[in-house]
Amino acid sequence: MARNKEAVVLVIDVGPSMHSVLPEIEKVCSLLIQKKLVFSRYDEVGFVLFGTADTKNELKEEIGGYEHVTVLRNIKVVDEDLVDALEKLPRGSVPGDFLDAIVVGMDMLIKKFGQTNKAKKRLCLITNAVSLIKDPFEGTKEDQVNTIATQMTAQGMKMDCVIVRMKQDWETSRRIMEENDFLMSVFSNKSSSKVVYVESPTSLLGALRTRNISPVTIYRGDFEIGAQLKIKVWVYKKTSEEKFPTLKKYSDKAPSTDKFATHEIKVDYEYKSIEDPNKVVPPEQRIKGFQYGPQVVPISSAELEAVKFKPEKSVKLLGFTDASNVMRHYYLKDVNIFIAEPGNKKAILALSALARAMKEMNKVAIVRCVWRQGQGNVVVGVLTPNVSDKDNTPDSFYFNILPFAEDVREFQFPSFSNLPSSMQPNEKQQDAADKLVQMLDLAPPGKQEVLPPDFTPNPVLERYYRYLNLKSKHPDAAVPPLDETLRKITEPDVELLSRNKSIIEELRRSFELKDNPKLKKSARRIKERPSGSDEERGEFDKDADVKAIDSMEYSAKTEVEKVGDVNPVKDFEEMMSRRDNPKWISKAIQGMKNKIFDLVENSCEGDTFHKALQCLVALRKGCILEQEPKQFNDFLCHLSKFCQEKDLRSFCLYLTSHEFTLITKAEAPDSEIPEHEARSFMVKPELDSQNMKSEAKAEDDIMSIYLGGK
């Protein structure tokens, strides 16, 4: 068997206590084989069932014992027949002994491969471990488990134990379950065994490793702490996104009689001259070009190679900082893990000391990494200490890439606390929302977490592989409905929602729902209704309806790009709500400023003052929401001075009568205007000239205070 191949023996409990979960076990085991057919089609798999009425295994024939253990299939290369065999597992009738089944599975691997292929032989045990294990002929059960674990380690075998415990299983003997759990922990401590407990079909899907990925280092070398201190480390990927499988192009042009046809499509590209479309440009006459303003700058391969940054392979410590200084949302890409070089005791001791010191001081390390020689980019990341709580597992570090300045997206959003009280929830609404959050809590106190990341598979990938298997057998098969187990990942729990209808209804009553007038589009008909026959009127109605629909579609697609004359407030609000480009905020604010100036300057005896005030109110509200108080306050000061110079004091009087003021610090934290200065900004003008001069002087004083003059 090659280096990257794996031999797996699935050891499955089919006793009476497992009958309720066997359908889910059939699915997850079938999925394991399906993925091996896609990614590792030369892997070998065997099946052992225990808890069966019959007995069929070689150890029974050779030395006796090992009853109710059946070898369903010897270790062979995976094929589609194996998937079919797993779709309906036989149901057993007696309680199963998982220790006997493990020994039978080990015997199969030893006889098949002997001492070769270490670390590529794996047992996978699936049981609820609620059945009594019979006493051995000599020694105790713990001694028996120690012997099995020692032999497992000597043969280079690993074991995954998936303990499936549903609600009904907890009604069995507590003593038996505790004893079996203790035996499982001995396996975990004495051998390369991993034990996981699941309580739902959804977690079962993710508990069994359906695809074996060999760990590959991305860096082996020195971790440079200083010129005189270097630690030998290996770096692995800790998490990596599972990509959707690449679908290859398929050709049906090959003869149906050709059994060796690959049906692959080869793609060739030709580059032709614009001046002469019939002339093919050879590679030596082509050069890359980069857009720079209106022109394209040609850069040759040699120039491109010369301008590249080529750092030396290294991992260097830049310094330490408090863990609170590195925010979780700064993390980029996948997570890596730093471990000391295996077998290097000095490196293990040094790395452990560093990790424990950082953990005690609540510090993280900032490091500069170049994983490979000649790598074109440098990454700066954070090392977080991972202190192990197991004696046989050394301490390590988690590594996350941090962003540079160009990678950070600083989007400013208004704080909810700055909104007026009318736009904030009252006590009753807040209480209803709190109850909804508590109802849908995925990790309630005292209970197992629902949808834990370690055991929750990607439903898109799971469904794809199932359909791929179906399509391979039935080419014309339709896409089946979503499986119930996968539905629990993608949709809320139906039972939970039905039990808590009162909470959902209370939330609905707490918030008044209204139609959004912005979504309503009125279609105007240009033509007048004809006064002819019913047939003519019918044709007109059809034509008008079509135009009305077209008008609605057009108006829905058209977006406001400037503050118009008809409804400037509406235009302003729509531009402020656009998030496709940050320029719309500044463009809307500037457009509304210009519109207000036009309305005030072109008024005739104050006929446009009311509309100008509406625009000012909208502008003030928008600047508060977008945290732009300075823009509004500067504008209002400028507008006030403009009115004084243009003899438009009546508009200032109009604003004063409506108690219109600057944006205060209480309304927007970025504002520099205290409450008392905002109240004294608009002083009611008197009719005599002396009072007018005093008013202008007071206003200038406040403006100078606002602008930093005093």
Foldseek 3Di string as FASTA:
>chain_A
DDQPAAEEEEEEEQAPVCVVCLQLVLLLVLLLLLVCVVVPQFHKYWYKYAQAPADDAVCCVVPRDLGRIHGPGAIDGRDLVVNVCSNDDDHHHGGGAVLSSVVRLVVSVCVVPNLPNALRYEYEYEEQQQDAHDADPDDGPLVSLLVVQVVCASSRYEYEYEREDEPVSVVGDPVRNVVSVVSQVSSVQRHNYHYDYDHDSQLVSLSDPSDDDDWDWLAWDWAAADPPDTFTKTKTFPDADDDADDDFDFAPPDDPVDPPDPRHDDDDDFDADPVDRVDTDDPVRDFDWDDDPPDTHTDHPVRVLVPFDFDAFHKYWPFKDAPVVDDPVQFDHTKMKMAGDPPPVVSLVVQQVVLVVCVVVRMKIWMKGDRDGRDRDIFIWIWHWACDPDPVDGTITMITTGDDPVPDDDAFFADPQLDDPVPDADPLLVVLVVVVCQLQQQPDPPDDGHPDVSRRDDQVNSLVSVVVSVCVVPVPDDRDDRDPSSVVVVDPDPVSCVVPVVSVVSNVVRDDDDDDPVLDDFFDFDDDQDPDDPVSNVVVVVVRVVNSVVVSVVVVPDAQDAQDDPDRLVSLVRLLPDDPDPVSLVRSLVRLLVVLVCQLVPDDVCPSLVVSVVSLVSSQVSCLRRLNQVSSQVSVLVVCVVCLVVVNCVSLLVCVVVQDWGDACSSHVPAPHHPVLRNLQRDRADDDPVSVVVNVVSNVVSVCVRVVND
